[in-house]
């Protein structure tokens, strides 16, 4: 890059990115952003750098570069894209439900910010799709915790954690499953009134779920 201008560097990075040579684009754009602090191409380079990181699956760095763009250029028309990029980067870091869900929680919070900060936009709609995926994963993790207690015959604790799934993530696909487990666990303990409440809530709140249909079809033997 010796002797190259900021314009030349940016013009080099664009085709590198376009042909999917993200590693070279990242090196070019990093040099530009680090050495040309007053460049008129700086905002474009910062955004292209974040996009290159993301497509190169360097999601931690992508999140940081999207955030840097958002902090430096909050009034830029691409601010919503940068915010959505942060949302997607964190979601890409979200692990399987059995592992620590810190990134999943961060992704949900960040995506929720996109929805509230940029309402009625395509970015907001896209963020809602990602946010729902993160809610489902967090609900799944809560469900697994409940099953852990159930397997160890700690039924009261299991009921408590199944309840968390329903109260914390009512719109997740795991909520009706959790309510079915609350019903069955209470029935096994002889808490027939609580079992009936769980059954009625499942059928009324999630009538289209497989769990509700199964329970309604089999009556008290569900």
Protein backbone atom coordinates (compact mmCIF):
# COMPACT_ATOMS: atom_id res chain seq x y z
CA UNK A 1 0.00 0.00 0.00
CA UNK A 2 3.02 2.30 0.11
CA UNK A 3 2.37 5.51 -1.76
CA UNK A 4 -1.31 4.75 -2.38
CA UNK A 5 -3.88 7.46 -1.73
CA UNK A 6 -7.06 6.97 0.25
CA UNK A 7 -9.06 7.03 -2.97
CA UNK A 8 -6.82 4.40 -4.55
CA UNK A 9 -7.15 2.19 -1.49
CA UNK A 10 -10.92 2.47 -1.45
CA UNK A 11 -11.09 1.78 -5.17
CA UNK A 12 -8.94 -1.30 -4.59
CA UNK A 13 -11.08 -2.58 -1.73
CA UNK A 14 -14.43 -2.30 -3.52
CA UNK A 15 -13.71 -4.91 -6.23
CA UNK A 16 -11.98 -7.14 -3.65
CA UNK A 17 -15.21 -7.11 -1.64
CA UNK A 18 -17.39 -7.54 -4.74
CA UNK A 19 -15.61 -10.71 -5.82
CA UNK A 20 -15.71 -12.16 -2.30
CA UNK A 21 -12.05 -11.63 -1.51
CA UNK A 22 -12.94 -10.43 1.96
CA UNK A 23 -9.55 -11.07 3.55
CA UNK A 24 -7.79 -8.74 1.11
CA UNK A 25 -10.59 -6.18 1.38
CA UNK A 26 -10.22 -6.20 5.17
CA UNK A 27 -6.47 -5.60 4.97
CA UNK A 28 -6.92 -2.78 2.47
CA UNK A 29 -9.70 -1.10 4.43
CA UNK A 30 -7.92 -1.46 7.76
CA UNK A 31 -4.93 0.33 6.27
CA UNK A 32 -7.16 3.08 4.92
CA UNK A 33 -9.07 3.65 8.18
CA UNK A 34 -5.92 3.60 10.30
CA UNK A 35 -3.84 5.90 8.12
CA UNK A 36 -6.30 8.36 6.61
CA UNK A 37 -8.29 9.70 9.54
CA UNK A 38 -9.56 12.71 7.59
CA UNK A 39 -10.41 10.90 4.38
CA UNK A 40 -13.67 11.68 2.65
CA UNK A 41 -13.90 7.92 2.06
CA UNK A 42 -13.69 7.08 5.75
CA UNK A 43 -17.41 6.46 6.37
CA UNK A 44 -17.69 4.32 3.23
CA UNK A 45 -14.55 2.42 4.16
CA UNK A 46 -15.72 1.80 7.73
CA UNK A 47 -19.04 0.40 6.55
CA UNK A 48 -17.41 -1.75 3.87
CA UNK A 49 -14.93 -3.00 6.46
CA UNK A 50 -17.74 -4.09 8.77
CA UNK A 51 -19.52 -5.81 5.90
CA UNK A 52 -16.31 -7.55 4.88
CA UNK A 53 -15.77 -8.77 8.45
CA UNK A 54 -19.30 -10.14 8.56
CA UNK A 55 -19.06 -12.00 5.27
CA UNK A 56 -15.64 -13.30 6.32
CA UNK A 57 -17.35 -14.76 9.42
CA UNK A 58 -15.26 -12.60 11.75
CA UNK A 59 -18.36 -11.76 13.77
CA UNK A 60 -16.72 -10.29 16.88
CA UNK A 61 -14.76 -7.86 14.74
CA UNK A 62 -17.78 -7.17 12.54
CA UNK A 63 -19.86 -6.23 15.57
CA UNK A 64 -17.12 -3.82 16.70
CA UNK A 65 -16.77 -2.25 13.26
CA UNK A 66 -20.52 -1.80 12.81
CA UNK A 67 -20.62 -0.23 16.26
CA UNK A 68 -17.74 2.10 15.36
CA UNK A 69 -19.61 3.22 12.26
CA UNK A 70 -22.78 3.84 14.27
CA UNK A 71 -20.93 5.85 16.89
CA UNK A 72 -19.03 7.99 14.38
CA UNK A 73 -21.83 8.52 11.87
CA UNK A 74 -25.16 8.29 13.72
CA UNK A 75 -26.88 10.57 11.18
CA UNK A 76 -25.63 8.62 8.15
CA UNK A 77 -28.42 7.03 6.07
CA UNK A 78 -26.70 3.66 6.62
CA UNK A 79 -26.94 3.87 10.42
CA UNK A 80 -29.88 1.46 10.44
CA UNK A 81 -27.86 -0.99 8.33
CA UNK A 82 -24.99 -0.76 10.80
CA UNK A 83 -27.34 -1.35 13.73
CA UNK A 84 -28.81 -4.37 11.95
CA UNK A 85 -25.27 -5.56 11.24
CA UNK A 86 -24.54 -5.55 14.97
CA UNK A 87 -27.74 -7.51 15.57
CA UNK A 88 -26.84 -10.11 12.96
CA UNK A 89 -23.21 -10.38 14.08
CA UNK A 90 -24.21 -11.14 17.66
CA UNK A 91 -26.84 -13.60 16.46
CA UNK A 92 -24.16 -15.38 14.42
CA UNK A 93 -22.14 -15.75 17.63
CA UNK A 94 -25.08 -17.30 19.47
CA UNK A 95 -24.20 -20.92 20.33
CA UNK A 96 -26.35 -24.04 20.61
CA UNK A 97 -28.91 -23.92 23.46
CA UNK A 98 -26.85 -26.19 25.70
CA UNK A 99 -24.06 -23.60 25.96
CA UNK A 100 -23.81 -20.21 27.65
CA UNK A 101 -26.31 -17.83 26.06
CA UNK A 102 -24.62 -14.48 26.75
CA UNK A 103 -24.28 -13.69 23.05
CA UNK A 104 -27.89 -14.70 22.48
CA UNK A 105 -29.09 -12.28 25.16
CA UNK A 106 -26.90 -9.52 23.72
CA UNK A 107 -28.24 -10.23 20.24
CA UNK A 108 -31.83 -10.03 21.46
CA UNK A 109 -31.18 -6.70 23.22
CA UNK A 110 -29.37 -5.25 20.20
CA UNK A 111 -32.03 -6.42 17.73
CA UNK A 112 -34.72 -4.97 19.98
CA UNK A 113 -32.90 -1.63 19.84
CA UNK A 114 -32.98 -1.74 16.05
CA UNK A 115 -36.73 -2.35 16.17
CA UNK A 116 -37.34 0.59 18.52
CA UNK A 117 -34.77 2.98 17.00
CA UNK A 118 -35.73 2.43 13.35
CA UNK A 119 -39.47 1.61 13.35
CA UNK A 120 -41.33 0.89 10.12
CA UNK A 121 -38.16 0.14 8.17
CA UNK A 122 -36.90 -2.94 6.38
CA UNK A 123 -34.07 -3.09 8.91
CA UNK A 124 -36.58 -3.17 11.76
CA UNK A 125 -38.49 -6.01 10.09
CA UNK A 126 -35.28 -7.97 9.57
CA UNK A 127 -34.23 -7.37 13.17
CA UNK A 128 -37.58 -8.71 14.41
CA UNK A 129 -36.99 -11.98 12.54
CA UNK A 130 -33.57 -12.34 14.19
CA UNK A 131 -34.94 -11.30 17.59
CA UNK A 132 -37.62 -13.98 17.43
CA UNK A 133 -34.96 -16.57 16.65
CA UNK A 134 -33.01 -15.44 19.72
CA UNK A 135 -36.11 -15.55 21.93
CA UNK A 136 -36.77 -19.09 20.75
CA UNK A 137 -33.22 -20.12 21.57
CA UNK A 138 -33.36 -18.58 25.05
CA UNK A 139 -36.69 -20.27 25.64
CA UNK A 140 -35.17 -23.56 24.51
CA UNK A 141 -32.34 -23.13 27.01
CA UNK A 142 -34.84 -22.44 29.82
CA UNK A 143 -36.79 -25.51 28.74
CA UNK A 144 -33.64 -27.64 28.92
CA UNK A 145 -33.01 -26.37 32.46
CA UNK A 146 -36.54 -27.39 33.42
CA UNK A 147 -36.02 -30.84 31.93
CA UNK A 148 -32.80 -31.15 33.96
CA UNK A 149 -34.80 -30.81 37.17
CA UNK A 150 -37.55 -33.09 35.88
CA UNK A 151 -35.08 -35.88 35.14
CA UNK A 152 -33.81 -35.62 38.72
CA UNK A 153 -37.34 -35.89 40.10
CA UNK A 154 -37.23 -32.29 41.37
CA UNK A 155 -40.70 -31.73 39.99
CA UNK A 156 -41.53 -28.50 41.82
CA UNK A 157 -38.33 -26.89 40.51
CA UNK A 158 -39.09 -28.21 37.03
CA UNK A 159 -42.56 -26.65 37.14
CA UNK A 160 -40.98 -23.34 38.17
CA UNK A 161 -38.57 -23.35 35.22
CA UNK A 162 -41.22 -24.46 32.74
CA UNK A 163 -43.21 -21.49 34.06
CA UNK A 164 -40.28 -19.20 33.26
CA UNK A 165 -40.43 -20.34 29.63
CA UNK A 166 -44.07 -19.33 29.42
CA UNK A 167 -43.77 -16.03 31.30
CA UNK A 168 -40.48 -14.85 29.77
CA UNK A 169 -40.98 -16.10 26.20
CA UNK A 170 -44.75 -16.38 25.65
CA UNK A 171 -44.42 -16.02 21.87
CA UNK A 172 -41.79 -18.71 21.48
CA UNK A 173 -42.49 -22.16 20.09
CA UNK A 174 -41.40 -23.57 23.45
CA UNK A 175 -44.15 -21.91 25.48
CA UNK A 176 -46.92 -24.42 24.61
CA UNK A 177 -44.50 -27.30 25.19
CA UNK A 178 -43.66 -25.89 28.59
CA UNK A 179 -47.33 -25.47 29.51
CA UNK A 180 -47.97 -29.09 28.57
CA UNK A 181 -45.15 -30.12 30.90
CA UNK A 182 -46.59 -27.93 33.68
CA UNK A 183 -49.91 -29.68 33.20
CA UNK A 184 -48.40 -33.16 33.29
CA UNK A 185 -46.12 -32.41 36.25
CA UNK A 186 -48.92 -30.97 38.35
CA UNK A 187 -51.14 -33.90 37.45
CA UNK A 188 -48.41 -36.31 38.57
CA UNK A 189 -48.11 -34.50 41.88
CA UNK A 190 -51.84 -34.59 42.43
CA UNK A 191 -52.25 -30.82 42.04
CA UNK A 192 -55.33 -31.25 39.90
CA UNK A 193 -56.47 -27.63 40.15
CA UNK A 194 -53.09 -26.34 38.94
CA UNK A 195 -53.04 -28.97 36.21
CA UNK A 196 -56.46 -27.82 35.05
CA UNK A 197 -55.31 -24.18 35.01
CA UNK A 198 -52.28 -25.10 32.88
CA UNK A 199 -54.45 -27.14 30.51
CA UNK A 200 -56.98 -24.35 30.08
CA UNK A 201 -54.25 -21.79 29.50
CA UNK A 202 -52.57 -24.01 26.91
CA UNK A 203 -55.78 -24.54 24.98
CA UNK A 204 -56.90 -20.90 25.16
CA UNK A 205 -53.53 -19.19 24.59
CA UNK A 206 -52.07 -21.61 22.02
CA UNK A 207 -55.10 -23.21 20.34
CA UNK A 208 -53.21 -23.88 17.09
CA UNK A 209 -50.26 -25.58 18.76
CA UNK A 210 -49.80 -29.33 18.43
CA UNK A 211 -49.66 -29.57 22.22
CA UNK A 212 -53.05 -27.91 22.67
CA UNK A 213 -54.66 -29.99 19.93
CA UNK A 214 -53.25 -33.19 21.41
CA UNK A 215 -54.44 -32.31 24.89
CA UNK A 216 -57.88 -31.30 23.68
CA UNK A 217 -58.19 -34.50 21.66
CA UNK A 218 -57.18 -36.79 24.54
CA UNK A 219 -58.90 -34.89 27.32
CA UNK A 220 -57.43 -35.40 30.78
CA UNK A 221 -55.15 -38.16 29.50
CA UNK A 222 -52.96 -35.75 27.51
